[in-house]
Amino acid sequence: MLMAVMVAGGALSAGADDVKPEGAKPAAGGPRIAVEPPSFDFGKAVQNKTLQKEFSIRNLGDADLLLDSVTTSCGCTVAEGYSKVVKPGASTRLLVSLQTRTSSGKLQKSVLVKSNDPAKGLYELKLEATVAPPETKSPETK
């Protein structure tokens, strides 16, 4: 009889381990997005120039990473050249172009990558630049 209680007690404790608290993260597995670099500062730039940076989107998971959409925060920023499906362990490039136009001062833009990553379904890639007007040479006086 004592043995039956021990077996039953063991079964009860094993069942308790299977219960997941509310809000628990899903078990490991599935797609996992990683962007390198995670953000980028172009530094000092002049007006009316196009700045470009290539980013790498890597799938660190064990299932296909599906890039549903890549959008930008403004029409002065373009993101292109990426594959919509990234196999486990593979990566795709993302070419981002930022037009400084007539902006002046600190410029902050973002690229939003929507994917099927259960932990980071919406990844925000932040871009910065400090924009100044082009230097003008004063006419020489005679």
N, C-alpha and C. Protein backbone atom coordinates (compact mmCIF):
# COMPACT_ATOMS: atom_id res chain seq x y z
N MET A 1 0.82 -1.19 0.00
CA MET A 1 0.00 0.00 0.00
C MET A 1 0.87 1.26 0.00
N LEU A 2 1.94 1.23 0.75
CA LEU A 2 2.84 2.37 0.78
C LEU A 2 3.43 2.63 -0.60
N MET A 3 3.73 1.57 -1.32
CA MET A 3 4.28 1.71 -2.66
C MET A 3 3.27 2.36 -3.61
N ALA A 4 2.02 2.03 -3.48
CA ALA A 4 0.98 2.60 -4.33
C ALA A 4 0.87 4.10 -4.10
N VAL A 5 1.01 4.54 -2.86
CA VAL A 5 0.93 5.96 -2.55
C VAL A 5 2.13 6.69 -3.16
N MET A 6 3.31 6.09 -3.10
CA MET A 6 4.50 6.72 -3.67
C MET A 6 4.38 6.85 -5.18
N VAL A 7 3.86 5.81 -5.83
CA VAL A 7 3.68 5.85 -7.28
C VAL A 7 2.67 6.92 -7.64
N ALA A 8 1.57 6.96 -6.90
CA ALA A 8 0.54 7.96 -7.17
C ALA A 8 1.08 9.36 -6.93
N GLY A 9 1.86 9.52 -5.86
CA GLY A 9 2.44 10.82 -5.56
C GLY A 9 3.39 11.26 -6.66
N GLY A 10 4.17 10.33 -7.19
CA GLY A 10 5.09 10.64 -8.28
C GLY A 10 4.33 11.05 -9.52
N ALA A 11 3.24 10.39 -9.82
CA ALA A 11 2.44 10.73 -10.99
C ALA A 11 1.84 12.11 -10.84
N LEU A 12 1.43 12.44 -9.60
CA LEU A 12 0.84 13.75 -9.38
C LEU A 12 1.88 14.86 -9.58
N SER A 13 3.09 14.63 -9.08
CA SER A 13 4.09 15.69 -9.23
C SER A 13 4.53 15.81 -10.69
N ALA A 14 4.58 14.71 -11.42
CA ALA A 14 4.95 14.79 -12.83
C ALA A 14 3.90 15.58 -13.59
N GLY A 15 2.63 15.38 -13.25
CA GLY A 15 1.56 16.12 -13.91
C GLY A 15 1.63 17.60 -13.61
N ALA A 16 2.05 17.96 -12.40
CA ALA A 16 2.15 19.36 -12.02
C ALA A 16 3.20 20.08 -12.85
N ASP A 17 4.26 19.38 -13.24
CA ASP A 17 5.32 19.99 -14.05
C ASP A 17 4.82 20.32 -15.45
N ASP A 18 3.81 19.61 -15.92
CA ASP A 18 3.29 19.84 -17.27
C ASP A 18 2.43 21.09 -17.36
N VAL A 19 1.98 21.61 -16.24
CA VAL A 19 1.12 22.79 -16.23
C VAL A 19 2.00 24.02 -16.46
N LYS A 20 1.62 24.84 -17.45
CA LYS A 20 2.39 26.05 -17.76
C LYS A 20 1.64 27.26 -17.22
N PRO A 21 2.34 28.12 -16.50
CA PRO A 21 1.67 29.32 -15.99
C PRO A 21 1.23 30.23 -17.13
N GLU A 22 0.20 31.02 -16.86
CA GLU A 22 -0.28 31.96 -17.88
C GLU A 22 0.83 32.93 -18.26
N GLY A 23 0.92 33.24 -19.53
CA GLY A 23 1.93 34.18 -20.01
C GLY A 23 3.29 33.56 -20.22
N ALA A 24 3.42 32.25 -20.03
CA ALA A 24 4.72 31.60 -20.22
C ALA A 24 5.10 31.63 -21.69
N LYS A 25 6.39 31.71 -21.96
CA LYS A 25 6.87 31.71 -23.34
C LYS A 25 6.71 30.33 -23.94
N PRO A 26 6.45 30.25 -25.24
CA PRO A 26 6.33 28.93 -25.86
C PRO A 26 7.67 28.20 -25.82
N ALA A 27 7.59 26.89 -25.92
CA ALA A 27 8.80 26.07 -25.92
C ALA A 27 9.70 26.49 -27.07
N ALA A 28 10.99 26.24 -26.89
CA ALA A 28 11.95 26.58 -27.94
C ALA A 28 11.57 25.90 -29.24
N GLY A 29 11.83 26.55 -30.32
CA GLY A 29 11.49 26.00 -31.63
C GLY A 29 10.82 27.06 -32.47
N GLY A 30 10.73 26.79 -33.74
CA GLY A 30 10.12 27.74 -34.65
C GLY A 30 11.16 28.71 -35.18
N PRO A 31 10.73 29.70 -35.95
CA PRO A 31 11.66 30.67 -36.51
C PRO A 31 12.13 31.67 -35.45
N ARG A 32 13.33 32.21 -35.63
CA ARG A 32 13.86 33.21 -34.70
C ARG A 32 14.67 34.23 -35.50
N ILE A 33 14.19 35.47 -35.53
CA ILE A 33 14.82 36.53 -36.32
C ILE A 33 15.98 37.19 -35.57
N ALA A 34 17.03 37.48 -36.31
CA ALA A 34 18.16 38.27 -35.79
C ALA A 34 18.59 39.21 -36.91
N VAL A 35 18.76 40.48 -36.58
CA VAL A 35 19.16 41.47 -37.58
C VAL A 35 20.52 42.04 -37.19
N GLU A 36 21.43 42.07 -38.15
CA GLU A 36 22.78 42.56 -37.89
C GLU A 36 23.13 43.64 -38.90
N PRO A 37 23.51 44.82 -38.50
CA PRO A 37 23.43 45.31 -37.13
C PRO A 37 21.98 45.60 -36.74
N PRO A 38 21.67 45.59 -35.44
CA PRO A 38 20.29 45.80 -35.01
C PRO A 38 19.79 47.23 -35.20
N SER A 39 20.70 48.18 -35.34
CA SER A 39 20.36 49.58 -35.63
C SER A 39 21.60 50.19 -36.29
N PHE A 40 21.44 51.39 -36.85
CA PHE A 40 22.60 52.00 -37.51
C PHE A 40 22.54 53.51 -37.45
N ASP A 41 23.68 54.12 -37.14
CA ASP A 41 23.82 55.57 -37.14
C ASP A 41 24.76 55.94 -38.29
N PHE A 42 24.24 56.64 -39.28
CA PHE A 42 25.04 57.06 -40.43
C PHE A 42 26.03 58.16 -40.06
N GLY A 43 25.85 58.76 -38.89
CA GLY A 43 26.74 59.85 -38.48
C GLY A 43 26.37 61.14 -39.19
N LYS A 44 27.38 61.93 -39.53
CA LYS A 44 27.14 63.22 -40.18
C LYS A 44 26.92 63.01 -41.67
N ALA A 45 25.93 63.71 -42.20
CA ALA A 45 25.59 63.62 -43.62
C ALA A 45 25.14 65.00 -44.09
N VAL A 46 25.16 65.19 -45.40
CA VAL A 46 24.70 66.47 -45.96
C VAL A 46 23.33 66.28 -46.61
N GLN A 47 22.64 67.37 -46.79
CA GLN A 47 21.32 67.35 -47.42
C GLN A 47 21.42 66.85 -48.86
N ASN A 48 20.29 66.34 -49.35
CA ASN A 48 20.15 65.88 -50.73
C ASN A 48 21.11 64.76 -51.12
N LYS A 49 21.39 63.88 -50.18
CA LYS A 49 22.23 62.71 -50.43
C LYS A 49 21.42 61.45 -50.11
N THR A 50 21.80 60.35 -50.75
CA THR A 50 21.19 59.06 -50.44
C THR A 50 22.21 58.23 -49.67
N LEU A 51 21.84 57.85 -48.46
CA LEU A 51 22.70 57.03 -47.61
C LEU A 51 22.23 55.59 -47.72
N GLN A 52 23.15 54.64 -47.78
CA GLN A 52 22.76 53.24 -47.91
C GLN A 52 23.49 52.38 -46.89
N LYS A 53 22.79 51.36 -46.43
CA LYS A 53 23.38 50.39 -45.50
C LYS A 53 22.75 49.04 -45.77
N GLU A 54 23.59 48.01 -45.79
CA GLU A 54 23.09 46.65 -45.98
C GLU A 54 23.01 45.97 -44.62
N PHE A 55 21.86 45.39 -44.34
CA PHE A 55 21.63 44.66 -43.10
C PHE A 55 21.48 43.18 -43.44
N SER A 56 21.74 42.33 -42.47
CA SER A 56 21.58 40.89 -42.64
C SER A 56 20.45 40.43 -41.72
N ILE A 57 19.46 39.76 -42.29
CA ILE A 57 18.38 39.16 -41.50
C ILE A 57 18.65 37.67 -41.48
N ARG A 58 18.89 37.14 -40.29
CA ARG A 58 19.26 35.73 -40.13
C ARG A 58 18.16 34.98 -39.37
N ASN A 59 17.97 33.73 -39.73
CA ASN A 59 17.01 32.87 -39.04
C ASN A 59 17.79 31.95 -38.10
N LEU A 60 17.71 32.21 -36.81
CA LEU A 60 18.40 31.40 -35.81
C LEU A 60 17.54 30.25 -35.31
N GLY A 61 16.33 30.11 -35.85
CA GLY A 61 15.40 29.08 -35.40
C GLY A 61 15.53 27.79 -36.18
N ASP A 62 14.53 26.92 -35.96
CA ASP A 62 14.55 25.61 -36.62
C ASP A 62 13.37 25.41 -37.58
N ALA A 63 12.72 26.51 -37.95
CA ALA A 63 11.63 26.47 -38.94
C ALA A 63 11.79 27.69 -39.85
N ASP A 64 11.17 27.65 -41.02
CA ASP A 64 11.27 28.76 -41.97
C ASP A 64 10.81 30.08 -41.34
N LEU A 65 11.60 31.13 -41.55
CA LEU A 65 11.24 32.48 -41.14
C LEU A 65 10.57 33.14 -42.34
N LEU A 66 9.32 33.56 -42.17
CA LEU A 66 8.57 34.20 -43.25
C LEU A 66 8.53 35.70 -43.01
N LEU A 67 9.09 36.46 -43.93
CA LEU A 67 9.06 37.92 -43.83
C LEU A 67 7.80 38.39 -44.54
N ASP A 68 6.76 38.66 -43.75
CA ASP A 68 5.46 39.04 -44.30
C ASP A 68 5.50 40.40 -44.98
N SER A 69 6.16 41.36 -44.33
CA SER A 69 6.26 42.69 -44.93
C SER A 69 7.43 43.44 -44.32
N VAL A 70 7.95 44.37 -45.10
CA VAL A 70 9.00 45.27 -44.63
C VAL A 70 8.53 46.67 -45.03
N THR A 71 8.26 47.50 -44.03
CA THR A 71 7.76 48.85 -44.29
C THR A 71 8.69 49.87 -43.65
N THR A 72 8.61 51.11 -44.12
CA THR A 72 9.45 52.17 -43.58
C THR A 72 8.58 53.27 -42.98
N SER A 73 9.19 54.06 -42.12
CA SER A 73 8.45 55.10 -41.41
C SER A 73 8.16 56.33 -42.26
N CYS A 74 8.80 56.43 -43.43
CA CYS A 74 8.55 57.60 -44.28
C CYS A 74 8.96 57.31 -45.70
N GLY A 75 8.50 58.13 -46.63
CA GLY A 75 8.81 57.94 -48.03
C GLY A 75 10.26 58.20 -48.38
N CYS A 76 11.01 58.79 -47.46
CA CYS A 76 12.43 59.06 -47.72
C CYS A 76 13.30 57.83 -47.45
N THR A 77 12.68 56.75 -46.99
CA THR A 77 13.42 55.53 -46.67
C THR A 77 12.87 54.37 -47.49
N VAL A 78 13.76 53.59 -48.09
CA VAL A 78 13.37 52.44 -48.91
C VAL A 78 14.13 51.22 -48.42
N ALA A 79 13.42 50.09 -48.29
CA ALA A 79 14.05 48.82 -47.91
C ALA A 79 13.73 47.81 -49.00
N GLU A 80 14.77 47.16 -49.55
CA GLU A 80 14.55 46.25 -50.67
C GLU A 80 15.61 45.15 -50.72
N GLY A 81 15.39 44.21 -51.64
CA GLY A 81 16.39 43.19 -51.92
C GLY A 81 16.41 42.00 -50.99
N TYR A 82 15.33 41.73 -50.28
CA TYR A 82 15.32 40.63 -49.32
C TYR A 82 14.48 39.47 -49.83
N SER A 83 14.78 38.27 -49.32
CA SER A 83 13.98 37.09 -49.62
C SER A 83 12.84 37.01 -48.62
N LYS A 84 11.67 36.59 -49.07
CA LYS A 84 10.52 36.50 -48.17
C LYS A 84 10.57 35.27 -47.29
N VAL A 85 11.33 34.25 -47.69
CA VAL A 85 11.47 33.02 -46.89
C VAL A 85 12.95 32.83 -46.57
N VAL A 86 13.25 32.70 -45.27
CA VAL A 86 14.63 32.48 -44.83
C VAL A 86 14.66 31.13 -44.11
N LYS A 87 15.40 30.19 -44.67
CA LYS A 87 15.50 28.84 -44.11
C LYS A 87 16.27 28.88 -42.78
N PRO A 88 16.08 27.87 -41.91
CA PRO A 88 16.83 27.81 -40.65
C PRO A 88 18.34 27.87 -40.91
N GLY A 89 19.03 28.74 -40.19
CA GLY A 89 20.48 28.89 -40.33
C GLY A 89 20.90 29.78 -41.48
N ALA A 90 19.97 30.18 -42.33
CA ALA A 90 20.30 31.01 -43.50
C ALA A 90 20.04 32.48 -43.18
N SER A 91 20.42 33.34 -44.13
CA SER A 91 20.18 34.77 -43.97
C SER A 91 19.84 35.38 -45.32
N THR A 92 19.29 36.57 -45.27
CA THR A 92 19.01 37.35 -46.47
C THR A 92 19.50 38.76 -46.22
N ARG A 93 19.84 39.45 -47.28
CA ARG A 93 20.29 40.83 -47.12
C ARG A 93 19.09 41.77 -47.26
N LEU A 94 19.18 42.88 -46.60
CA LEU A 94 18.17 43.93 -46.68
C LEU A 94 18.91 45.23 -46.93
N LEU A 95 18.71 45.81 -48.10
CA LEU A 95 19.38 47.06 -48.46
C LEU A 95 18.44 48.22 -48.13
N VAL A 96 18.92 49.11 -47.26
CA VAL A 96 18.11 50.26 -46.84
C VAL A 96 18.76 51.53 -47.37
N SER A 97 17.93 52.35 -48.02
CA SER A 97 18.38 53.65 -48.54
C SER A 97 17.61 54.75 -47.82
N LEU A 98 18.33 55.76 -47.38
CA LEU A 98 17.73 56.89 -46.68
C LEU A 98 18.13 58.16 -47.42
N GLN A 99 17.12 58.89 -47.88
CA GLN A 99 17.38 60.15 -48.60
C GLN A 99 17.29 61.30 -47.60
N THR A 100 18.36 62.08 -47.51
CA THR A 100 18.37 63.17 -46.54
C THR A 100 17.54 64.37 -46.99
N ARG A 101 17.34 64.51 -48.29
CA ARG A 101 16.56 65.62 -48.86
C ARG A 101 16.95 66.94 -48.23
N THR A 102 15.97 67.70 -47.75
CA THR A 102 16.26 69.00 -47.14
C THR A 102 16.18 68.96 -45.62
N SER A 103 16.26 67.76 -45.06
CA SER A 103 16.23 67.62 -43.60
C SER A 103 17.44 68.34 -43.01
N SER A 104 17.30 68.72 -41.75
CA SER A 104 18.41 69.36 -41.05
C SER A 104 18.37 68.93 -39.60
N GLY A 105 19.53 68.64 -39.04
CA GLY A 105 19.60 68.21 -37.65
C GLY A 105 19.51 66.69 -37.53
N LYS A 106 19.05 66.24 -36.37
CA LYS A 106 18.97 64.80 -36.09
C LYS A 106 17.81 64.19 -36.86
N LEU A 107 18.10 63.15 -37.62
CA LEU A 107 17.10 62.45 -38.43
C LEU A 107 16.97 61.04 -37.87
N GLN A 108 15.76 60.64 -37.51
CA GLN A 108 15.51 59.30 -36.97
C GLN A 108 14.40 58.65 -37.77
N LYS A 109 14.69 57.50 -38.36
CA LYS A 109 13.72 56.76 -39.16
C LYS A 109 13.75 55.31 -38.71
N SER A 110 12.76 54.54 -39.16
CA SER A 110 12.75 53.12 -38.80
C SER A 110 12.24 52.27 -39.95
N VAL A 111 12.67 51.02 -39.91
CA VAL A 111 12.22 50.00 -40.85
C VAL A 111 11.55 48.93 -40.00
N LEU A 112 10.30 48.60 -40.32
CA LEU A 112 9.56 47.58 -39.57
C LEU A 112 9.52 46.29 -40.36
N VAL A 113 10.02 45.21 -39.75
CA VAL A 113 10.04 43.90 -40.38
C VAL A 113 9.01 43.03 -39.67
N LYS A 114 7.96 42.66 -40.40
CA LYS A 114 6.90 41.81 -39.84
C LYS A 114 7.18 40.37 -40.28
N SER A 115 7.26 39.46 -39.30
CA SER A 115 7.59 38.07 -39.60
C SER A 115 6.75 37.12 -38.76
N ASN A 116 7.00 35.83 -38.94
CA ASN A 116 6.29 34.82 -38.16
C ASN A 116 7.08 34.37 -36.93
N ASP A 117 8.09 35.15 -36.51
CA ASP A 117 8.82 34.85 -35.28
C ASP A 117 7.86 35.03 -34.11
N PRO A 118 7.62 33.97 -33.32
CA PRO A 118 6.64 34.09 -32.23
C PRO A 118 7.05 35.07 -31.14
N ALA A 119 8.34 35.33 -30.97
CA ALA A 119 8.80 36.24 -29.92
C ALA A 119 8.95 37.68 -30.42
N LYS A 120 9.33 37.85 -31.68
CA LYS A 120 9.55 39.19 -32.26
C LYS A 120 8.83 39.28 -33.59
N GLY A 121 7.52 39.23 -33.57
CA GLY A 121 6.74 39.27 -34.80
C GLY A 121 6.88 40.58 -35.55
N LEU A 122 7.22 41.66 -34.83
CA LEU A 122 7.44 42.97 -35.45
C LEU A 122 8.78 43.49 -34.94
N TYR A 123 9.76 43.52 -35.81
CA TYR A 123 11.11 43.95 -35.45
C TYR A 123 11.32 45.36 -35.97
N GLU A 124 11.74 46.28 -35.11
CA GLU A 124 11.99 47.66 -35.51
C GLU A 124 13.49 47.89 -35.64
N LEU A 125 13.90 48.24 -36.83
CA LEU A 125 15.30 48.55 -37.13
C LEU A 125 15.41 50.07 -37.16
N LYS A 126 16.21 50.65 -36.26
CA LYS A 126 16.29 52.11 -36.14
C LYS A 126 17.49 52.67 -36.90
N LEU A 127 17.23 53.78 -37.58
CA LEU A 127 18.26 54.48 -38.36
C LEU A 127 18.39 55.91 -37.85
N GLU A 128 19.61 56.42 -37.83
CA GLU A 128 19.84 57.80 -37.43
C GLU A 128 20.88 58.45 -38.33
N ALA A 129 20.80 59.75 -38.43
CA ALA A 129 21.81 60.55 -39.14
C ALA A 129 21.70 61.98 -38.62
N THR A 130 22.79 62.70 -38.68
CA THR A 130 22.79 64.12 -38.35
C THR A 130 23.04 64.85 -39.66
N VAL A 131 22.02 65.57 -40.12
CA VAL A 131 22.05 66.17 -41.46
C VAL A 131 22.32 67.67 -41.37
N ALA A 132 23.21 68.12 -42.25
CA ALA A 132 23.54 69.55 -42.33
C ALA A 132 23.48 69.98 -43.79
N PRO A 133 23.24 71.26 -44.03
CA PRO A 133 23.26 71.75 -45.41
C PRO A 133 24.67 71.59 -45.99
N PRO A 134 24.78 71.47 -47.31
CA PRO A 134 26.12 71.37 -47.90
C PRO A 134 26.89 72.67 -47.67
N GLU A 135 28.20 72.52 -47.55
CA GLU A 135 29.02 73.72 -47.35
C GLU A 135 29.00 74.54 -48.63
N THR A 136 28.87 75.83 -48.46
CA THR A 136 28.90 76.72 -49.63
C THR A 136 30.16 77.55 -49.55
N LYS A 137 30.79 77.71 -50.68
CA LYS A 137 32.00 78.53 -50.74
C LYS A 137 31.59 79.96 -51.02
N SER A 138 32.12 80.84 -50.23
CA SER A 138 31.79 82.25 -50.46
C SER A 138 32.59 82.75 -51.66
N PRO A 139 31.97 83.58 -52.47
CA PRO A 139 32.69 84.09 -53.65
C PRO A 139 33.89 84.93 -53.21
N GLU A 140 34.95 84.77 -53.96
CA GLU A 140 36.16 85.54 -53.63
C GLU A 140 35.95 87.00 -54.02
N THR A 141 36.43 87.87 -53.17
CA THR A 141 36.32 89.30 -53.47
C THR A 141 37.62 89.79 -54.09
N LYS A 142 37.51 90.75 -55.01
CA LYS A 142 38.69 91.29 -55.69
C LYS A 142 38.99 92.66 -55.20
